[in-house]
Amino acid sequence: MDIYLTNNLTNKKEQFVPRDNKEVGMYVCGPTVYDDPHIGNARPLVIFDILYRLLKNKFKKVKYVRNITDIDDKIIKSSQDQNISTKELTEKITKSFLEDCSYLNCENPSHQPKATEHIDLMIEMIGELLKKGFAYENNKHVYFEVKKFSDYGKLSNKKLEDLIAGSRVEISDNKQNSEDFVLWKPSKSHEPSWNSPWGKGRPGWHLECSAMSKKFLGNEFDIHGGGIDLLFPHHENEIAQSRCANETSTFANYWVHNAFITMSNEKMAKSQGNILKIKSFREKISGQVLRLALMSAHYKQPLDWNDKLLSECENTLDKWYRVYSNNFKITKISDEILKPLFDDLNTPGYIANLHQLYEKASKGHDPHLFVSACQFVGLLNEDYENWQQYKKDKASINENDILNKIELRNKARKNKDYEEADRIRNELLDKGVLIEDKDGKTIWKFK
């Protein structure tokens, strides 16, 4: 069965045909390690992890590269705000990021390069762009001259003039044109810097991915992924500088982007004050619950994040674990079961297949296949005892506490403070306690 992916380069769902059947190459933009990752960052982690698993199931060898950006203006500002070195900050946040990956049961990429370990390659690429006339130096800055690349805007499907008008471009007297983007910039005395032909400085953010993808995947490769927010200008700029430096007609053949996570239908962002960090979930919710929630909507669609979604996913997993056996045998998953994933990573469709397999497994029909199908997408990765222990730990609240909470909730309802009543109900729900109002009384039970 063939894999189909929505390719933003053509705005079509296309059959995935690798450049080389012996090895598939995929590059996904990783984190800029200036702050702990949030739920929005978790979505591409899980989505491209599932794509990686699917590709490995079909092709002999898959090389998955996900970078870590450990030098950037945001990193410098954050380190200054915290009064620590950029090295201390990036090491701390990288550690947190890797713990998040493990918590979400994401497989390790084939390579996970750090930007600061490849500055020499970036300097070399800038030199090529200058030599070939696609870049210019001014006052120790080096810029890519966008107008020199005729295909600029093809990924965004917009004309250059529209892209410039609709985006925030860096204003600088050092530029020849407002749309040009930086390849190298000088560092201030207290900032990290590297020697270069243009003086001490550091690379531009866009250049980092171009240099690292070239090292591990070559001048041209199969799939480039990331969040939809990276499509412009980051990915557009990657294409421009890579194709010009390497003199190629393509860079990545398939461009795959996941949509945003929203809260109350608003984009999750610091400016909205609605950022939820992954690590804040670690001690109160199983990573499997978050993983299933992140799979619950198609990656091309926005995913609205809320407590109800998490509760539903936890209930689903609790039900599925009832047919789990520690002695299960890994069973090959047929293409028919995987069919939704082959069709543009249709994870909701695959979850529907899992529900059908569960119904059969609960009646004794091939529970090994059901568990194997769950594990194919990174679910049911703990044994039954660990899941039960998680449930007990989550429900670590005694009966007196529960009754006191119910009394407070009843008072809130009597005072028509329904917001507070709902808050208490949700607080109990988080601890694994379900409450129900029946015949004028409130009854409770553990989930």
Protein backbone atom coordinates (compact mmCIF):
# COMPACT_ATOMS: atom_id res chain seq x y z
CA MET A 1 0.00 0.00 0.00
CA ASP A 2 1.33 3.46 -0.93
CA ILE A 3 1.76 6.35 1.47
CA TYR A 4 0.04 9.65 0.62
CA LEU A 5 1.00 12.97 2.20
CA THR A 6 -0.28 16.53 1.82
CA ASN A 7 2.63 18.36 0.20
CA ASN A 8 2.54 22.09 0.90
CA LEU A 9 4.94 22.64 -1.97
CA THR A 10 2.17 21.69 -4.41
CA ASN A 11 -0.87 22.16 -2.10
CA LYS A 12 -1.96 18.63 -3.00
CA LYS A 13 -2.18 15.23 -1.39
CA GLU A 14 0.39 13.18 -3.27
CA GLN A 15 1.71 9.66 -3.34
CA PHE A 16 5.01 9.55 -1.50
CA VAL A 17 7.74 8.33 -3.83
CA PRO A 18 11.19 8.41 -2.21
CA ARG A 19 14.28 9.47 -4.12
CA ASP A 20 15.88 6.15 -3.19
CA ASN A 21 13.93 3.09 -2.03
CA LYS A 22 16.97 1.94 -0.06
CA GLU A 23 16.97 4.99 2.23
CA VAL A 24 14.33 7.62 3.01
CA GLY A 25 15.48 10.96 4.43
CA MET A 26 13.33 13.15 6.70
CA TYR A 27 14.29 16.41 8.40
CA VAL A 28 12.05 17.99 11.04
CA CYS A 29 12.71 21.34 12.70
CA GLY A 30 13.32 20.76 16.40
CA PRO A 31 13.15 23.16 19.34
CA THR A 32 14.86 26.48 19.95
CA VAL A 33 15.96 25.74 23.51
CA TYR A 34 15.25 29.02 25.27
CA ASP A 35 12.27 27.84 27.36
CA ASP A 36 10.63 24.57 28.37
CA PRO A 37 8.60 23.07 25.48
CA HIS A 38 4.84 23.52 25.54
CA ILE A 39 1.93 21.43 24.25
CA GLY A 40 2.10 23.20 20.89
CA ASN A 41 5.67 21.89 20.52
CA ALA A 42 4.47 18.40 21.45
CA ARG A 43 2.22 18.06 18.42
CA PRO A 44 4.98 17.85 15.77
CA LEU A 45 6.95 15.57 18.11
CA VAL A 46 4.15 13.01 18.10
CA ILE A 47 2.97 13.51 14.49
CA PHE A 48 6.41 13.08 12.94
CA ASP A 49 7.22 10.24 15.31
CA ILE A 50 4.20 8.39 13.89
CA LEU A 51 5.32 9.21 10.34
CA TYR A 52 8.80 7.89 11.20
CA ARG A 53 7.29 4.63 12.49
CA LEU A 54 5.14 4.30 9.35
CA LEU A 55 8.09 4.92 7.03
CA LYS A 56 10.21 2.34 8.87
CA ASN A 57 7.41 -0.17 8.46
CA LYS A 58 7.50 0.26 4.67
CA PHE A 59 11.11 1.05 3.74
CA LYS A 60 14.38 -0.71 4.54
CA LYS A 61 16.15 2.32 6.00
CA VAL A 62 14.86 5.67 7.20
CA LYS A 63 17.14 8.49 8.32
CA TYR A 64 15.27 10.90 10.60
CA VAL A 65 17.06 14.14 11.52
CA ARG A 66 15.66 16.57 14.09
CA ASN A 67 17.86 19.51 15.05
CA ILE A 68 18.28 21.45 18.27
CA THR A 69 18.71 25.20 17.83
CA ASP A 70 21.02 26.23 20.68
CA ILE A 71 22.04 29.67 19.46
CA ASP A 72 19.44 32.31 18.69
CA ASP A 73 18.36 35.80 19.76
CA LYS A 74 15.64 34.34 22.01
CA ILE A 75 18.23 32.17 23.77
CA ILE A 76 20.50 35.14 24.39
CA LYS A 77 17.65 37.25 25.78
CA SER A 78 16.36 34.43 28.00
CA SER A 79 19.82 33.73 29.40
CA GLN A 80 20.27 37.43 30.19
CA ASP A 81 16.85 37.59 31.86
CA GLN A 82 17.78 34.61 34.03
CA ASN A 83 21.34 35.84 34.59
CA ILE A 84 22.88 32.55 33.44
CA SER A 85 25.13 31.65 30.52
CA THR A 86 23.63 30.57 27.22
CA LYS A 87 25.39 27.20 27.68
CA GLU A 88 23.77 26.63 31.06
CA LEU A 89 20.36 27.62 29.70
CA THR A 90 20.52 25.51 26.54
CA GLU A 91 21.77 22.44 28.40
CA LYS A 92 18.96 22.76 30.94
CA ILE A 93 16.23 23.22 28.32
CA THR A 94 17.64 20.50 26.05
CA LYS A 95 17.51 18.08 28.99
CA SER A 96 13.89 19.09 29.64
CA PHE A 97 13.05 18.63 25.95
CA LEU A 98 14.54 15.13 25.81
CA GLU A 99 12.63 14.19 28.97
CA ASP A 100 9.44 15.41 27.26
CA CYS A 101 10.21 13.23 24.23
CA SER A 102 10.64 10.20 26.46
CA TYR A 103 7.46 11.05 28.40
CA LEU A 104 5.51 11.15 25.12
CA ASN A 105 7.12 7.85 24.05
CA CYS A 106 8.74 9.31 20.95
CA GLU A 107 11.47 7.25 19.33
CA ASN A 108 14.92 8.80 19.09
CA PRO A 109 15.74 10.31 15.68
CA SER A 110 18.64 8.89 13.71
CA HIS A 111 20.51 12.15 14.31
CA GLN A 112 19.86 15.08 16.61
CA PRO A 113 22.46 17.73 15.70
CA LYS A 114 22.99 20.94 17.62
CA ALA A 115 23.48 24.18 15.74
CA THR A 116 26.57 25.24 17.71
CA GLU A 117 28.36 22.06 16.65
CA HIS A 118 28.05 22.94 12.95
CA ILE A 119 29.03 26.62 12.71
CA ASP A 120 31.87 25.77 10.32
CA LEU A 121 29.40 24.28 7.83
CA MET A 122 27.24 27.41 8.05
CA ILE A 123 30.24 29.66 7.38
CA GLU A 124 31.11 27.46 4.39
CA MET A 125 27.57 27.76 2.98
CA ILE A 126 27.58 31.54 3.40
CA GLY A 127 30.86 31.63 1.47
CA GLU A 128 29.22 29.69 -1.38
CA LEU A 129 26.26 32.07 -1.49
CA LEU A 130 28.58 35.10 -1.61
CA LYS A 131 30.74 33.54 -4.32
CA LYS A 132 27.70 32.73 -6.46
CA GLY A 133 26.23 36.21 -6.10
CA PHE A 134 23.17 35.35 -4.01
CA ALA A 135 24.37 37.16 -0.87
CA TYR A 136 26.14 40.38 0.04
CA GLU A 137 28.14 41.68 2.98
CA ASN A 138 27.58 45.05 4.61
CA ASN A 139 29.02 46.29 7.91
CA LYS A 140 29.98 42.75 9.10
CA HIS A 141 26.49 41.47 8.29
CA VAL A 142 25.79 39.02 5.47
CA TYR A 143 22.35 38.91 3.85
CA PHE A 144 20.66 36.69 1.29
CA GLU A 145 19.32 38.76 -1.59
CA VAL A 146 15.82 37.39 -2.03
CA LYS A 147 15.17 38.88 -5.49
CA LYS A 148 18.02 36.80 -6.89
CA PHE A 149 15.98 33.59 -6.32
CA SER A 150 13.12 33.46 -8.80
CA ASP A 151 11.21 30.65 -7.00
CA TYR A 152 10.93 32.56 -3.73
CA GLY A 153 7.35 32.26 -2.43
CA LYS A 154 6.59 28.96 -4.18
CA LEU A 155 6.18 27.08 -0.88
CA SER A 156 3.95 29.81 0.55
CA ASN A 157 2.08 30.00 -2.76
CA LYS A 158 2.34 33.77 -2.72
CA LYS A 159 4.09 36.48 -4.65
CA LEU A 160 7.13 38.09 -3.10
CA GLU A 161 5.34 41.45 -2.72
CA ASP A 162 2.47 39.80 -0.80
CA LEU A 163 4.83 37.92 1.49
CA ILE A 164 6.73 41.07 2.35
CA ALA A 165 3.56 43.07 2.99
CA GLY A 166 2.04 40.35 5.18
CA SER A 167 5.01 39.62 7.41
CA ARG A 168 7.17 41.30 9.97
CA VAL A 169 10.55 41.76 8.33
CA GLU A 170 13.65 42.82 10.20
CA ILE A 171 14.35 46.49 9.55
CA SER A 172 18.02 47.32 9.17
CA ASP A 173 20.08 50.00 7.45
CA ASN A 174 22.53 47.23 6.52
CA LYS A 175 20.07 45.66 4.08
CA GLN A 176 19.85 46.52 0.40
CA ASN A 177 16.18 45.43 0.34
CA SER A 178 13.67 45.05 3.16
CA GLU A 179 12.89 41.42 2.25
CA ASP A 180 16.50 40.21 2.44
CA PHE A 181 17.25 37.95 5.40
CA VAL A 182 20.34 37.60 7.54
CA LEU A 183 22.88 34.81 7.11
CA TRP A 184 25.48 36.15 9.55
CA LYS A 185 25.38 38.89 12.15
CA PRO A 186 28.02 40.37 14.47
CA SER A 187 27.76 39.54 18.17
CA LYS A 188 27.99 42.05 20.98
CA SER A 189 30.91 41.73 23.38
CA HIS A 190 28.93 39.75 26.00
CA GLU A 191 27.20 37.45 23.48
CA PRO A 192 28.36 34.06 22.12
CA SER A 193 30.42 34.45 18.96
CA TRP A 194 32.49 32.53 16.41
CA ASN A 195 35.29 33.70 14.14
CA SER A 196 34.36 34.15 10.49
CA PRO A 197 35.66 35.97 7.39
CA TRP A 198 33.18 38.74 8.28
CA GLY A 199 34.27 39.12 11.89
CA LYS A 200 33.13 37.60 15.17
CA GLY A 201 29.45 36.77 15.10
CA ARG A 202 26.82 34.08 14.81
CA PRO A 203 24.67 32.57 12.03
CA GLY A 204 21.12 33.49 11.14
CA TRP A 205 18.44 31.07 12.34
CA HIS A 206 17.30 29.99 8.86
CA LEU A 207 20.80 29.01 7.80
CA GLU A 208 21.26 26.51 10.63
CA CYS A 209 18.74 23.99 9.27
CA SER A 210 20.12 24.26 5.73
CA ALA A 211 23.63 23.39 6.89
CA MET A 212 22.60 20.52 9.16
CA SER A 213 20.17 18.92 6.70
CA LYS A 214 22.90 19.00 4.05
CA LYS A 215 25.38 17.26 6.32
CA PHE A 216 23.10 14.37 7.26
CA LEU A 217 20.76 14.06 4.26
CA GLY A 218 22.62 15.64 1.34
CA ASN A 219 21.70 18.50 -1.00
CA GLU A 220 18.29 16.98 -1.78
CA PHE A 221 16.12 14.69 0.34
CA ASP A 222 12.58 13.40 0.71
CA ILE A 223 10.55 15.00 3.52
CA HIS A 224 10.87 18.25 5.47
CA GLY A 225 8.47 18.71 8.37
CA GLY A 226 7.52 21.18 11.07
CA GLY A 227 4.73 23.31 12.44
CA ILE A 228 2.69 25.46 10.06
CA ASP A 229 4.13 28.58 11.71
CA LEU A 230 7.53 27.70 10.19
CA LEU A 231 6.29 27.63 6.60
CA PHE A 232 7.09 31.31 6.15
CA PRO A 233 9.64 32.72 6.46
CA HIS A 234 11.76 29.89 7.92
CA HIS A 235 11.11 27.11 5.43
CA GLU A 236 10.83 29.50 2.49
CA ASN A 237 14.25 30.87 3.37
CA GLU A 238 15.72 27.40 3.82
CA ILE A 239 14.69 26.50 0.28
CA ALA A 240 16.16 29.69 -1.16
CA GLN A 241 19.57 29.50 0.47
CA SER A 242 19.94 25.71 0.07
CA ARG A 243 19.02 25.57 -3.59
CA CYS A 244 21.23 28.55 -4.43
CA ALA A 245 24.24 27.36 -2.43
CA ASN A 246 23.98 23.76 -3.66
CA GLU A 247 22.87 24.60 -7.24
CA THR A 248 19.92 22.20 -7.15
CA SER A 249 16.43 22.34 -8.66
CA THR A 250 14.88 20.99 -5.45
CA PHE A 251 15.67 20.89 -1.74
CA ALA A 252 13.06 18.67 -0.05
CA ASN A 253 10.46 17.01 -2.26
CA TYR A 254 7.63 16.88 0.31
CA TRP A 255 6.83 19.62 2.81
CA VAL A 256 4.57 18.47 5.65
CA HIS A 257 3.24 20.90 8.27
CA ASN A 258 1.02 20.31 11.29
CA ALA A 259 -1.62 22.85 12.33
CA PHE A 260 -1.73 24.76 15.61
CA ILE A 261 -3.05 23.66 18.97
CA THR A 262 -5.69 26.07 20.24
CA MET A 263 -7.37 26.77 23.57
CA SER A 264 -10.96 28.00 23.35
CA ASN A 265 -10.22 28.25 19.61
CA GLU A 266 -7.39 30.73 20.19
CA LYS A 267 -3.84 29.94 19.09
CA MET A 268 -1.62 28.84 21.96
CA ALA A 269 1.00 31.57 22.35
CA LYS A 270 2.85 33.49 25.04
CA SER A 271 1.14 36.68 23.95
CA GLN A 272 -2.22 35.02 24.71
CA GLY A 273 -1.04 33.88 28.14
CA ASN A 274 -2.29 30.35 27.45
CA ILE A 275 0.96 28.39 27.27
CA LEU A 276 0.84 24.91 28.83
CA LYS A 277 4.27 23.38 29.34
CA ILE A 278 4.70 19.66 28.79
CA LYS A 279 6.65 19.15 31.99
CA SER A 280 3.74 20.53 34.05
CA PHE A 281 1.74 17.44 32.99
CA ARG A 282 4.43 14.88 33.76
CA GLU A 283 3.55 14.20 37.40
CA LYS A 284 -0.22 14.25 37.09
CA ILE A 285 -1.08 12.74 33.70
CA SER A 286 0.35 9.74 31.86
CA GLY A 287 2.29 10.61 28.73
CA GLN A 288 0.09 8.10 26.91
CA VAL A 289 -2.94 10.27 27.61
CA LEU A 290 -1.25 13.30 26.07
CA ARG A 291 -0.04 11.24 23.12
CA LEU A 292 -3.55 9.93 22.36
CA ALA A 293 -4.95 13.47 22.71
CA LEU A 294 -2.37 14.79 20.25
CA MET A 295 -3.41 12.08 17.76
CA SER A 296 -7.13 12.72 18.16
CA ALA A 297 -7.40 15.29 15.34
CA HIS A 298 -5.89 15.10 11.86
CA TYR A 299 -2.52 16.84 11.82
CA LYS A 300 -3.71 19.31 9.16
CA GLN A 301 -6.56 20.50 11.40
CA PRO A 302 -6.33 22.70 14.52
CA LEU A 303 -6.61 20.75 17.78
CA ASP A 304 -8.50 22.44 20.62
CA TRP A 305 -6.92 21.50 23.94
CA ASN A 306 -9.16 21.09 27.00
CA ASP A 307 -9.73 18.98 30.11
CA LYS A 308 -12.61 17.09 28.50
CA LEU A 309 -10.30 15.85 25.73
CA LEU A 310 -7.77 14.58 28.27
CA SER A 311 -10.45 12.92 30.37
CA GLU A 312 -11.88 11.13 27.31
CA CYS A 313 -8.43 9.94 26.25
CA GLU A 314 -7.64 8.66 29.73
CA ASN A 315 -10.95 6.78 29.87
CA THR A 316 -10.22 5.25 26.47
CA LEU A 317 -6.79 4.03 27.55
CA ASP A 318 -8.19 2.69 30.82
CA LYS A 319 -10.71 0.66 28.82
CA TRP A 320 -8.08 -0.56 26.36
CA TYR A 321 -5.82 -1.72 29.18
CA ARG A 322 -8.50 -4.19 30.27
CA VAL A 323 -7.48 -6.51 27.45
CA TYR A 324 -3.73 -5.94 27.87
CA SER A 325 -1.62 -8.99 28.60
CA ASN A 326 1.97 -8.84 29.80
CA ASN A 327 2.56 -12.01 27.77
CA PHE A 328 1.25 -10.62 24.50
CA LYS A 329 3.07 -11.57 21.31
CA ILE A 330 4.07 -8.86 18.86
CA THR A 331 1.86 -9.35 15.81
CA LYS A 332 2.44 -7.92 12.34
CA ILE A 333 -0.06 -5.19 11.50
CA SER A 334 -1.73 -5.58 8.13
CA ASP A 335 -1.84 -2.75 5.62
CA GLU A 336 -5.62 -2.85 5.89
CA ILE A 337 -5.43 -1.85 9.57
CA LEU A 338 -2.77 0.74 8.80
CA LYS A 339 -4.73 2.09 5.84
CA PRO A 340 -5.77 5.38 7.55
CA LEU A 341 -2.12 6.16 8.36
CA PHE A 342 -1.10 5.49 4.76
CA ASP A 343 -3.74 8.05 3.78
CA ASP A 344 -2.03 11.27 4.91
CA LEU A 345 -1.51 10.15 8.52
CA ASN A 346 -5.22 9.97 9.29
CA THR A 347 -4.77 9.32 13.02
CA PRO A 348 -8.49 9.72 13.90
CA GLY A 349 -9.24 7.00 11.34
CA TYR A 350 -6.57 4.77 12.86
CA ILE A 351 -7.98 5.35 16.35
CA ALA A 352 -11.38 4.22 14.99
CA ASN A 353 -9.67 1.01 13.82
CA LEU A 354 -8.20 0.56 17.31
CA HIS A 355 -11.68 0.82 18.83
CA GLN A 356 -12.89 -1.92 16.47
CA LEU A 357 -9.91 -4.12 17.35
CA TYR A 358 -10.60 -3.54 21.04
CA GLU A 359 -14.20 -4.68 20.68
CA LYS A 360 -12.97 -7.93 19.13
CA ALA A 361 -10.17 -8.31 21.70
CA SER A 362 -12.60 -7.81 24.61
CA LYS A 363 -14.46 -10.87 23.28
CA GLY A 364 -11.26 -12.88 23.21
CA HIS A 365 -10.47 -12.43 19.52
CA ASP A 366 -6.73 -11.80 19.03
CA PRO A 367 -5.83 -9.36 21.85
CA HIS A 368 -2.20 -9.62 20.66
CA LEU A 369 -3.14 -7.88 17.42
CA PHE A 370 -4.93 -5.11 19.30
CA VAL A 371 -2.00 -4.40 21.64
CA SER A 372 0.46 -4.54 18.72
CA ALA A 373 -1.68 -2.08 16.76
CA CYS A 374 -1.69 0.29 19.74
CA GLN A 375 2.06 0.00 20.20
CA PHE A 376 2.61 0.72 16.50
CA VAL A 377 1.62 4.33 17.23
CA GLY A 378 3.30 4.45 20.64
CA LEU A 379 0.32 3.59 22.89
CA LEU A 380 0.01 0.89 25.58
CA ASN A 381 3.76 1.20 26.00
CA GLU A 382 3.60 0.39 29.73
CA ASP A 383 2.48 -2.92 31.18
CA TYR A 384 -0.87 -3.32 32.93
CA GLU A 385 0.58 -3.06 36.46
CA ASN A 386 2.27 0.27 35.72
CA TRP A 387 -0.95 1.67 34.31
CA GLN A 388 -2.89 0.54 37.38
CA GLN A 389 -0.28 2.09 39.65
CA TYR A 390 -0.62 5.35 37.73
CA LYS A 391 -4.38 5.22 38.28
CA LYS A 392 -3.94 4.60 42.01
CA ASP A 393 -1.41 7.41 42.34
CA LYS A 394 -3.71 9.76 40.46
CA ALA A 395 -6.59 8.82 42.71
CA SER A 396 -4.55 9.38 45.89
CA ILE A 397 -7.31 11.21 47.72
CA ASN A 398 -9.12 9.89 50.78
CA GLU A 399 -12.86 9.71 51.33
CA ASN A 400 -12.96 12.65 53.78
CA ASP A 401 -11.25 14.88 51.21
CA ILE A 402 -13.78 13.83 48.59
CA LEU A 403 -16.76 14.51 50.86
CA ASN A 404 -15.35 17.91 51.84
CA LYS A 405 -14.93 18.81 48.17
CA ILE A 406 -18.49 17.71 47.42
CA GLU A 407 -19.79 19.86 50.29
CA LEU A 408 -17.92 22.90 48.98
CA ARG A 409 -19.29 22.22 45.52
CA ASN A 410 -22.85 21.99 46.83
CA LYS A 411 -22.44 25.33 48.63
CA ALA A 412 -21.13 26.90 45.41
CA ARG A 413 -24.13 25.57 43.48
CA LYS A 414 -26.51 26.85 46.16
CA ASN A 415 -24.91 30.30 45.78
CA LYS A 416 -25.21 29.95 41.97
CA ASP A 417 -21.43 30.08 41.66
CA TYR A 418 -21.42 27.52 38.89
CA GLU A 419 -17.91 28.36 37.77
CA GLU A 420 -16.55 27.34 41.18
CA ALA A 421 -18.76 24.24 41.21
CA ASP A 422 -17.35 23.19 37.84
CA ARG A 423 -13.81 23.87 39.04
CA ILE A 424 -14.27 21.52 42.01
CA ARG A 425 -15.82 18.85 39.80
CA ASN A 426 -12.84 19.06 37.44
CA GLU A 427 -10.39 19.00 40.35
CA LEU A 428 -11.94 15.74 41.57
CA LEU A 429 -11.94 14.41 38.03
CA ASP A 430 -8.21 15.09 37.79
CA LYS A 431 -7.77 12.89 40.85
CA GLY A 432 -9.75 10.09 39.27
CA VAL A 433 -13.04 10.77 41.07
CA LEU A 434 -16.32 10.91 39.16
CA ILE A 435 -19.28 12.67 40.79
CA GLU A 436 -22.92 12.53 39.76
CA ASP A 437 -25.97 14.44 40.98
CA LYS A 438 -28.86 12.03 41.40
CA ASP A 439 -32.20 12.36 43.22
CA GLY A 440 -31.06 15.45 45.08
CA LYS A 441 -27.83 13.80 46.24
CA THR A 442 -24.26 13.77 44.97
CA ILE A 443 -22.67 10.35 44.62
CA TRP A 444 -19.07 9.60 43.72
CA LYS A 445 -16.84 6.78 42.52
CA PHE A 446 -13.31 6.24 41.27
CA LYS A 447 -12.91 6.08 37.49
